Amino acid sequence: MSVRAKFHVDSVTKTADGGLTVKMSARHDPNIPEELRFSLLTPTASIVMFITTTSAEEFFNLGEYYYVDFSLTGERDRHQSRATDAG
């Protein structure tokens, strides 16, 4: 299973070390069923990325929309457990 979300680039800011800070927020189009399903389950979301790779810096543009796909890696943090696992 995977989950797809649509994100809007709200800001792109140069950092002191020459990289970028990209801030994105979830957006949806109510006319697209897949996006509407996401918005009903997760009405708000945000991503903040600190980027120092030139190719990635050129990829993200202010005002553009991007899809983000989430899928499980199959790995699990051995040092943390979900509240439901605690019993």
PDB file of N, CA and C in Angstrom:
ATOM      1  N   MET A   1       0.843  -1.174   0.000  1.00  0.00           N
ATOM      2  CA  MET A   1       0.000   0.000   0.000  1.00  0.00           C
ATOM      3  C   MET A   1       0.891   1.241   0.000  1.00  0.00           C
ATOM      4  N   SER A   2       0.416   2.265  -0.656  1.00  0.00           N
ATOM      5  CA  SER A   2       1.103   3.549  -0.611  1.00  0.00           C
ATOM      6  C   SER A   2       0.067   4.657  -0.530  1.00  0.00           C
ATOM      7  N   VAL A   3       0.504   5.830  -0.135  1.00  0.00           N
ATOM      8  CA  VAL A   3      -0.358   6.993  -0.021  1.00  0.00           C
ATOM      9  C   VAL A   3       0.275   8.114  -0.827  1.00  0.00           C
ATOM     10  N   ARG A   4      -0.508   8.754  -1.659  1.00  0.00           N
ATOM     11  CA  ARG A   4      -0.011   9.873  -2.461  1.00  0.00           C
ATOM     12  C   ARG A   4      -0.654  11.155  -1.946  1.00  0.00           C
ATOM     13  N   ALA A   5       0.163  12.194  -1.806  1.00  0.00           N
ATOM     14  CA  ALA A   5      -0.318  13.501  -1.376  1.00  0.00           C
ATOM     15  C   ALA A   5       0.210  14.561  -2.333  1.00  0.00           C
ATOM     16  N   LYS A   6      -0.580  15.604  -2.525  1.00  0.00           N
ATOM     17  CA  LYS A   6      -0.177  16.716  -3.389  1.00  0.00           C
ATOM     18  C   LYS A   6       0.283  17.864  -2.489  1.00  0.00           C
ATOM     19  N   PHE A   7       1.484  18.366  -2.770  1.00  0.00           N
ATOM     20  CA  PHE A   7       2.043  19.451  -1.974  1.00  0.00           C
ATOM     21  C   PHE A   7       2.344  20.662  -2.849  1.00  0.00           C
ATOM     22  N   HIS A   8       2.157  21.824  -2.261  1.00  0.00           N
ATOM     23  CA  HIS A   8       2.412  23.112  -2.912  1.00  0.00           C
ATOM     24  C   HIS A   8       3.652  23.733  -2.281  1.00  0.00           C
ATOM     25  N   VAL A   9       4.562  24.262  -3.099  1.00  0.00           N
ATOM     26  CA  VAL A   9       5.750  24.939  -2.570  1.00  0.00           C
ATOM     27  C   VAL A   9       5.336  26.344  -2.143  1.00  0.00           C
ATOM     28  N   ASP A  10       5.330  26.552  -0.822  1.00  0.00           N
ATOM     29  CA  ASP A  10       4.924  27.841  -0.252  1.00  0.00           C
ATOM     30  C   ASP A  10       6.079  28.831  -0.177  1.00  0.00           C
ATOM     31  N   SER A  11       7.286  28.320   0.047  1.00  0.00           N
ATOM     32  CA  SER A  11       8.444  29.222   0.105  1.00  0.00           C
ATOM     33  C   SER A  11       9.722  28.481  -0.224  1.00  0.00           C
ATOM     34  N   VAL A  12      10.650  29.208  -0.821  1.00  0.00           N
ATOM     35  CA  VAL A  12      11.992  28.722  -1.123  1.00  0.00           C
ATOM     36  C   VAL A  12      12.934  29.816  -0.645  1.00  0.00           C
ATOM     37  N   THR A  13      13.791  29.483   0.330  1.00  0.00           N
ATOM     38  CA  THR A  13      14.661  30.479   0.948  1.00  0.00           C
ATOM     39  C   THR A  13      16.105  30.011   0.906  1.00  0.00           C
ATOM     40  N   LYS A  14      17.000  30.868   0.457  1.00  0.00           N
ATOM     41  CA  LYS A  14      18.443  30.568   0.492  1.00  0.00           C
ATOM     42  C   LYS A  14      18.912  30.561   1.939  1.00  0.00           C
ATOM     43  N   THR A  15      19.761  29.590   2.274  1.00  0.00           N
ATOM     44  CA  THR A  15      20.314  29.517   3.623  1.00  0.00           C
ATOM     45  C   THR A  15      21.716  30.132   3.632  1.00  0.00           C
ATOM     46  N   ALA A  16      22.222  30.410   4.805  1.00  0.00           N
ATOM     47  CA  ALA A  16      23.539  31.042   4.945  1.00  0.00           C
ATOM     48  C   ALA A  16      24.653  30.189   4.361  1.00  0.00           C
ATOM     49  N   ASP A  17      24.474  28.860   4.373  1.00  0.00           N
ATOM     50  CA  ASP A  17      25.517  27.965   3.846  1.00  0.00           C
ATOM     51  C   ASP A  17      25.366  27.698   2.350  1.00  0.00           C
ATOM     52  N   GLY A  18      24.456  28.415   1.696  1.00  0.00           N
ATOM     53  CA  GLY A  18      24.302  28.287   0.253  1.00  0.00           C
ATOM     54  C   GLY A  18      23.266  27.277  -0.204  1.00  0.00           C
ATOM     55  N   GLY A  19      22.615  26.627   0.729  1.00  0.00           N
ATOM     56  CA  GLY A  19      21.567  25.669   0.379  1.00  0.00           C
ATOM     57  C   GLY A  19      20.212  26.357   0.295  1.00  0.00           C
ATOM     58  N   LEU A  20      19.169  25.558   0.342  1.00  0.00           N
ATOM     59  CA  LEU A  20      17.799  26.068   0.303  1.00  0.00           C
ATOM     60  C   LEU A  20      16.966  25.449   1.403  1.00  0.00           C
ATOM     61  N   THR A  21      16.005  26.217   1.882  1.00  0.00           N
ATOM     62  CA  THR A  21      14.947  25.682   2.718  1.00  0.00           C
ATOM     63  C   THR A  21      13.679  25.753   1.879  1.00  0.00           C
ATOM     64  N   VAL A  22      13.052  24.601   1.678  1.00  0.00           N
ATOM     65  CA  VAL A  22      11.819  24.524   0.901  1.00  0.00           C
ATOM     66  C   VAL A  22      10.698  24.139   1.859  1.00  0.00           C
ATOM     67  N   LYS A  23       9.655  24.968   1.910  1.00  0.00           N
ATOM     68  CA  LYS A  23       8.491  24.685   2.750  1.00  0.00           C
ATOM     69  C   LYS A  23       7.305  24.402   1.849  1.00  0.00           C
ATOM     70  N   MET A  24       6.641  23.275   2.149  1.00  0.00           N
ATOM     71  CA  MET A  24       5.508  22.833   1.342  1.00  0.00           C
ATOM     72  C   MET A  24       4.324  22.519   2.242  1.00  0.00           C
ATOM     73  N   SER A  25       3.123  22.682   1.696  1.00  0.00           N
ATOM     74  CA  SER A  25       1.919  22.310   2.435  1.00  0.00           C
ATOM     75  C   SER A  25       1.005  21.490   1.535  1.00  0.00           C
ATOM     76  N   ALA A  26       0.240  20.604   2.175  1.00  0.00           N
ATOM     77  CA  ALA A  26      -0.666  19.733   1.425  1.00  0.00           C
ATOM     78  C   ALA A  26      -1.779  20.556   0.802  1.00  0.00           C
ATOM     79  N   ARG A  27      -2.101  20.219  -0.412  1.00  0.00           N
ATOM     80  CA  ARG A  27      -3.215  20.849  -1.134  1.00  0.00           C
ATOM     81  C   ARG A  27      -3.994  19.748  -1.821  1.00  0.00           C
ATOM     82  N   HIS A  28      -5.237  20.037  -2.141  1.00  0.00           N
ATOM     83  CA  HIS A  28      -6.013  19.043  -2.882  1.00  0.00           C
ATOM     84  C   HIS A  28      -7.020  19.732  -3.795  1.00  0.00           C
ATOM     85  N   ASP A  29      -7.378  19.016  -4.831  1.00  0.00           N
ATOM     86  CA  ASP A  29      -8.393  19.455  -5.778  1.00  0.00           C
ATOM     87  C   ASP A  29      -9.623  18.599  -5.514  1.00  0.00           C
ATOM     88  N   PRO A  30     -10.733  19.184  -5.060  1.00  0.00           N
ATOM     89  CA  PRO A  30     -11.917  18.382  -4.730  1.00  0.00           C
ATOM     90  C   PRO A  30     -12.520  17.651  -5.924  1.00  0.00           C
ATOM     91  N   ASN A  31     -12.090  17.976  -7.126  1.00  0.00           N
ATOM     92  CA  ASN A  31     -12.596  17.300  -8.322  1.00  0.00           C
ATOM     93  C   ASN A  31     -11.797  16.046  -8.673  1.00  0.00           C
ATOM     94  N   ILE A  32     -10.711  15.785  -7.954  1.00  0.00           N
ATOM     95  CA  ILE A  32      -9.889  14.603  -8.198  1.00  0.00           C
ATOM     96  C   ILE A  32     -10.105  13.640  -7.024  1.00  0.00           C
ATOM     97  N   PRO A  33     -10.784  12.507  -7.260  1.00  0.00           N
ATOM     98  CA  PRO A  33     -11.135  11.597  -6.154  1.00  0.00           C
ATOM     99  C   PRO A  33      -9.953  11.177  -5.284  1.00  0.00           C
ATOM    100  N   GLU A  34      -8.802  10.870  -5.890  1.00  0.00           N
ATOM    101  CA  GLU A  34      -7.635  10.451  -5.107  1.00  0.00           C
ATOM    102  C   GLU A  34      -7.202  11.541  -4.133  1.00  0.00           C
ATOM    103  N   GLU A  35      -7.194  12.776  -4.586  1.00  0.00           N
ATOM    104  CA  GLU A  35      -6.792  13.888  -3.720  1.00  0.00           C
ATOM    105  C   GLU A  35      -7.836  14.157  -2.652  1.00  0.00           C
ATOM    106  N   LEU A  36      -9.096  14.002  -2.982  1.00  0.00           N
ATOM    107  CA  LEU A  36     -10.158  14.212  -2.005  1.00  0.00           C
ATOM    108  C   LEU A  36     -10.065  13.176  -0.890  1.00  0.00           C
ATOM    109  N   ARG A  37      -9.764  11.910  -1.238  1.00  0.00           N
ATOM    110  CA  ARG A  37      -9.605  10.864  -0.212  1.00  0.00           C
ATOM    111  C   ARG A  37      -8.484  11.222   0.757  1.00  0.00           C
ATOM    112  N   PHE A  38      -7.354  11.704   0.227  1.00  0.00           N
ATOM    113  CA  PHE A  38      -6.244  12.091   1.098  1.00  0.00           C
ATOM    114  C   PHE A  38      -6.672  13.218   2.028  1.00  0.00           C
ATOM    115  N   SER A  39      -7.358  14.215   1.490  1.00  0.00           N
ATOM    116  CA  SER A  39      -7.716  15.381   2.298  1.00  0.00           C
ATOM    117  C   SER A  39      -8.699  15.020   3.405  1.00  0.00           C
ATOM    118  N   LEU A  40      -9.536  14.016   3.174  1.00  0.00           N
ATOM    119  CA  LEU A  40     -10.477  13.595   4.210  1.00  0.00           C
ATOM    120  C   LEU A  40      -9.768  12.897   5.361  1.00  0.00           C
ATOM    121  N   LEU A  41      -8.711  12.145   5.053  1.00  0.00           N
ATOM    122  CA  LEU A  41      -7.981  11.405   6.080  1.00  0.00           C
ATOM    123  C   LEU A  41      -6.892  12.243   6.744  1.00  0.00           C
ATOM    124  N   THR A  42      -6.269  13.109   5.990  1.00  0.00           N
ATOM    125  CA  THR A  42      -5.184  13.949   6.488  1.00  0.00           C
ATOM    126  C   THR A  42      -5.412  15.365   5.972  1.00  0.00           C
ATOM    127  N   PRO A  43      -6.259  16.139   6.654  1.00  0.00           N
ATOM    128  CA  PRO A  43      -6.634  17.447   6.115  1.00  0.00           C
ATOM    129  C   PRO A  43      -5.497  18.465   6.048  1.00  0.00           C
ATOM    130  N   THR A  44      -4.469  18.309   6.877  1.00  0.00           N
ATOM    131  CA  THR A  44      -3.341  19.225   6.811  1.00  0.00           C
ATOM    132  C   THR A  44      -2.042  18.442   6.913  1.00  0.00           C
ATOM    133  N   ALA A  45      -1.032  18.943   6.248  1.00  0.00           N
ATOM    134  CA  ALA A  45       0.293  18.336   6.323  1.00  0.00           C
ATOM    135  C   ALA A  45       1.298  19.367   5.840  1.00  0.00           C
ATOM    136  N   SER A  46       2.524  19.247   6.315  1.00  0.00           N
ATOM    137  CA  SER A  46       3.569  20.151   5.846  1.00  0.00           C
ATOM    138  C   SER A  46       4.893  19.404   5.772  1.00  0.00           C
ATOM    139  N   ILE A  47       5.749  19.903   4.889  1.00  0.00           N
ATOM    140  CA  ILE A  47       7.090  19.354   4.723  1.00  0.00           C
ATOM    141  C   ILE A  47       8.052  20.528   4.708  1.00  0.00           C
ATOM    142  N   VAL A  48       9.142  20.394   5.454  1.00  0.00           N
ATOM    143  CA  VAL A  48      10.226  21.377   5.411  1.00  0.00           C
ATOM    144  C   VAL A  48      11.487  20.606   5.070  1.00  0.00           C
ATOM    145  N   MET A  49      12.156  21.025   3.993  1.00  0.00           N
ATOM    146  CA  MET A  49      13.378  20.349   3.558  1.00  0.00           C
ATOM    147  C   MET A  49      14.529  21.344   3.518  1.00  0.00           C
ATOM    148  N   PHE A  50      15.691  20.912   3.981  1.00  0.00           N
ATOM    149  CA  PHE A  50      16.922  21.676   3.885  1.00  0.00           C
ATOM    150  C   PHE A  50      17.755  20.987   2.813  1.00  0.00           C
ATOM    151  N   ILE A  51      17.978  21.667   1.703  1.00  0.00           N
ATOM    152  CA  ILE A  51      18.588  21.044   0.527  1.00  0.00           C
ATOM    153  C   ILE A  51      19.933  21.685   0.233  1.00  0.00           C
ATOM    154  N   THR A  52      20.942  20.827   0.004  1.00  0.00           N
ATOM    155  CA  THR A  52      22.270  21.329  -0.363  1.00  0.00           C
ATOM    156  C   THR A  52      22.751  20.752  -1.695  1.00  0.00           C
ATOM    157  N   THR A  53      21.924  19.935  -2.332  1.00  0.00           N
ATOM    158  CA  THR A  53      22.277  19.337  -3.608  1.00  0.00           C
ATOM    159  C   THR A  53      21.780  20.225  -4.743  1.00  0.00           C
ATOM    160  N   THR A  54      22.676  20.627  -5.633  1.00  0.00           N
ATOM    161  CA  THR A  54      22.331  21.566  -6.703  1.00  0.00           C
ATOM    162  C   THR A  54      21.172  21.071  -7.556  1.00  0.00           C
ATOM    163  N   SER A  55      21.174  19.802  -7.940  1.00  0.00           N
ATOM    164  CA  SER A  55      20.098  19.297  -8.796  1.00  0.00           C
ATOM    165  C   SER A  55      18.749  19.349  -8.084  1.00  0.00           C
ATOM    166  N   ALA A  56      18.732  19.091  -6.782  1.00  0.00           N
ATOM    167  CA  ALA A  56      17.486  19.167  -6.017  1.00  0.00           C
ATOM    168  C   ALA A  56      17.049  20.621  -5.850  1.00  0.00           C
ATOM    169  N   GLU A  57      18.021  21.524  -5.687  1.00  0.00           N
ATOM    170  CA  GLU A  57      17.688  22.948  -5.565  1.00  0.00           C
ATOM    171  C   GLU A  57      16.963  23.447  -6.807  1.00  0.00           C
ATOM    172  N   GLU A  58      17.389  22.974  -7.959  1.00  0.00           N
ATOM    173  CA  GLU A  58      16.799  23.416  -9.223  1.00  0.00           C
ATOM    174  C   GLU A  58      15.436  22.779  -9.481  1.00  0.00           C
ATOM    175  N   PHE A  59      15.136  21.709  -8.784  1.00  0.00           N
ATOM    176  CA  PHE A  59      13.898  20.968  -9.007  1.00  0.00           C
ATOM    177  C   PHE A  59      12.685  21.656  -8.390  1.00  0.00           C
ATOM    178  N   PHE A  60      12.846  22.238  -7.201  1.00  0.00           N
ATOM    179  CA  PHE A  60      11.717  22.813  -6.467  1.00  0.00           C
ATOM    180  C   PHE A  60      11.549  24.293  -6.793  1.00  0.00           C
ATOM    181  N   ASN A  61      10.345  24.646  -7.255  1.00  0.00           N
ATOM    182  CA  ASN A  61      10.052  26.016  -7.656  1.00  0.00           C
ATOM    183  C   ASN A  61       8.868  26.568  -6.882  1.00  0.00           C
ATOM    184  N   LEU A  62       8.991  27.795  -6.434  1.00  0.00           N
ATOM    185  CA  LEU A  62       7.933  28.475  -5.707  1.00  0.00           C
ATOM    186  C   LEU A  62       6.639  28.446  -6.509  1.00  0.00           C
ATOM    187  N   GLY A  63       5.545  28.063  -5.848  1.00  0.00           N
ATOM    188  CA  GLY A  63       4.237  28.054  -6.472  1.00  0.00           C
ATOM    189  C   GLY A  63       3.883  26.791  -7.234  1.00  0.00           C
ATOM    190  N   GLU A  64       4.842  25.890  -7.422  1.00  0.00           N
ATOM    191  CA  GLU A  64       4.588  24.641  -8.151  1.00  0.00           C
ATOM    192  C   GLU A  64       3.970  23.606  -7.209  1.00  0.00           C
ATOM    193  N   TYR A  65       3.357  22.592  -7.806  1.00  0.00           N
ATOM    194  CA  TYR A  65       2.758  21.474  -7.083  1.00  0.00           C
ATOM    195  C   TYR A  65       3.568  20.213  -7.351  1.00  0.00           C
ATOM    196  N   TYR A  66       3.678  19.370  -6.323  1.00  0.00           N
ATOM    197  CA  TYR A  66       4.427  18.125  -6.425  1.00  0.00           C
ATOM    198  C   TYR A  66       3.641  17.021  -5.725  1.00  0.00           C
ATOM    199  N   TYR A  67       3.730  15.819  -6.270  1.00  0.00           N
ATOM    200  CA  TYR A  67       3.178  14.659  -5.589  1.00  0.00           C
ATOM    201  C   TYR A  67       4.261  14.057  -4.714  1.00  0.00           C
ATOM    202  N   VAL A  68       3.849  13.613  -3.534  1.00  0.00           N
ATOM    203  CA  VAL A  68       4.735  12.892  -2.624  1.00  0.00           C
ATOM    204  C   VAL A  68       4.096  11.528  -2.389  1.00  0.00           C
ATOM    205  N   ASP A  69       4.858  10.477  -2.637  1.00  0.00           N
ATOM    206  CA  ASP A  69       4.362   9.120  -2.441  1.00  0.00           C
ATOM    207  C   ASP A  69       5.015   8.513  -1.211  1.00  0.00           C
ATOM    208  N   PHE A  70       4.181   8.006  -0.310  1.00  0.00           N
ATOM    209  CA  PHE A  70       4.665   7.365   0.910  1.00  0.00           C
ATOM    210  C   PHE A  70       4.420   5.870   0.792  1.00  0.00           C
ATOM    211  N   SER A  71       5.454   5.090   1.038  1.00  0.00           N
ATOM    212  CA  SER A  71       5.300   3.640   1.073  1.00  0.00           C
ATOM    213  C   SER A  71       6.236   3.081   2.141  1.00  0.00           C
ATOM    214  N   LEU A  72       5.838   2.004   2.749  1.00  0.00           N
ATOM    215  CA  LEU A  72       6.640   1.388   3.807  1.00  0.00           C
ATOM    216  C   LEU A  72       7.946   0.840   3.251  1.00  0.00           C
ATOM    217  N   THR A  73       9.005   0.955   4.033  1.00  0.00           N
ATOM    218  CA  THR A  73      10.297   0.412   3.630  1.00  0.00           C
ATOM    219  C   THR A  73      10.460  -1.032   4.073  1.00  0.00           C
ATOM    220  N   GLY A  74       9.651  -1.438   5.049  1.00  0.00           N
ATOM    221  CA  GLY A  74       9.790  -2.776   5.607  1.00  0.00           C
ATOM    222  C   GLY A  74      10.696  -2.779   6.827  1.00  0.00           C
ATOM    223  N   GLU A  75      11.315  -1.645   7.113  1.00  0.00           N
ATOM    224  CA  GLU A  75      12.178  -1.530   8.294  1.00  0.00           C
ATOM    225  C   GLU A  75      11.361  -0.964   9.443  1.00  0.00           C
ATOM    226  N   ARG A  76      11.839  -1.203  10.655  1.00  0.00           N
ATOM    227  CA  ARG A  76      11.177  -0.672  11.839  1.00  0.00           C
ATOM    228  C   ARG A  76      12.229  -0.266  12.848  1.00  0.00           C
ATOM    229  N   ASP A  77      12.016   0.857  13.491  1.00  0.00           N
ATOM    230  CA  ASP A  77      12.941   1.342  14.510  1.00  0.00           C
ATOM    231  C   ASP A  77      12.820   0.443  15.734  1.00  0.00           C
ATOM    232  N   ARG A  78      13.903  -0.217  16.081  1.00  0.00           N
ATOM    233  CA  ARG A  78      13.883  -1.150  17.217  1.00  0.00           C
ATOM    234  C   ARG A  78      13.793  -0.441  18.547  1.00  0.00           C
ATOM    235  N   HIS A  79      14.113   0.851  18.581  1.00  0.00           N
ATOM    236  CA  HIS A  79      14.165   1.577  19.848  1.00  0.00           C
ATOM    237  C   HIS A  79      12.861   2.298  20.174  1.00  0.00           C
ATOM    238  N   GLN A  80      11.964   2.344  19.215  1.00  0.00           N
ATOM    239  CA  GLN A  80      10.671   2.989  19.452  1.00  0.00           C
ATOM    240  C   GLN A  80       9.584   2.002  19.073  1.00  0.00           C
ATOM    241  N   SER A  81       8.498   2.084  19.788  1.00  0.00           N
ATOM    242  CA  SER A  81       7.343   1.260  19.408  1.00  0.00           C
ATOM    243  C   SER A  81       6.114   2.137  19.442  1.00  0.00           C
ATOM    244  N   ARG A  82       5.151   1.756  18.669  1.00  0.00           N
ATOM    245  CA  ARG A  82       3.892   2.490  18.641  1.00  0.00           C
ATOM    246  C   ARG A  82       3.174   2.275  19.963  1.00  0.00           C
ATOM    247  N   ALA A  83       2.300   3.196  20.302  1.00  0.00           N
ATOM    248  CA  ALA A  83       1.532   3.089  21.527  1.00  0.00           C
ATOM    249  C   ALA A  83       0.710   1.799  21.535  1.00  0.00           C
ATOM    250  N   THR A  84       0.245   1.376  20.374  1.00  0.00           N
ATOM    251  CA  THR A  84      -0.548   0.142  20.306  1.00  0.00           C
ATOM    252  C   THR A  84       0.293  -1.089  20.576  1.00  0.00           C
ATOM    253  N   ASP A  85       1.615  -1.004  20.332  1.00  0.00           N
ATOM    254  CA  ASP A  85       2.491  -2.138  20.591  1.00  0.00           C
ATOM    255  C   ASP A  85       2.785  -2.314  22.085  1.00  0.00           C
ATOM    256  N   ALA A  86       2.652  -1.223  22.842  1.00  0.00           N
ATOM    257  CA  ALA A  86       3.000  -1.263  24.262  1.00  0.00           C
ATOM    258  C   ALA A  86       1.991  -2.056  25.080  1.00  0.00           C
ATOM    259  N   GLY A  87       0.853  -2.273  24.512  1.00  0.00           N
ATOM    260  CA  GLY A  87      -0.034  -3.160  25.196  1.00  0.00           C
ATOM    261  C   GLY A  87      -1.320  -2.646  25.620  1.00  0.00           C
TER     262      GLY A  87
END
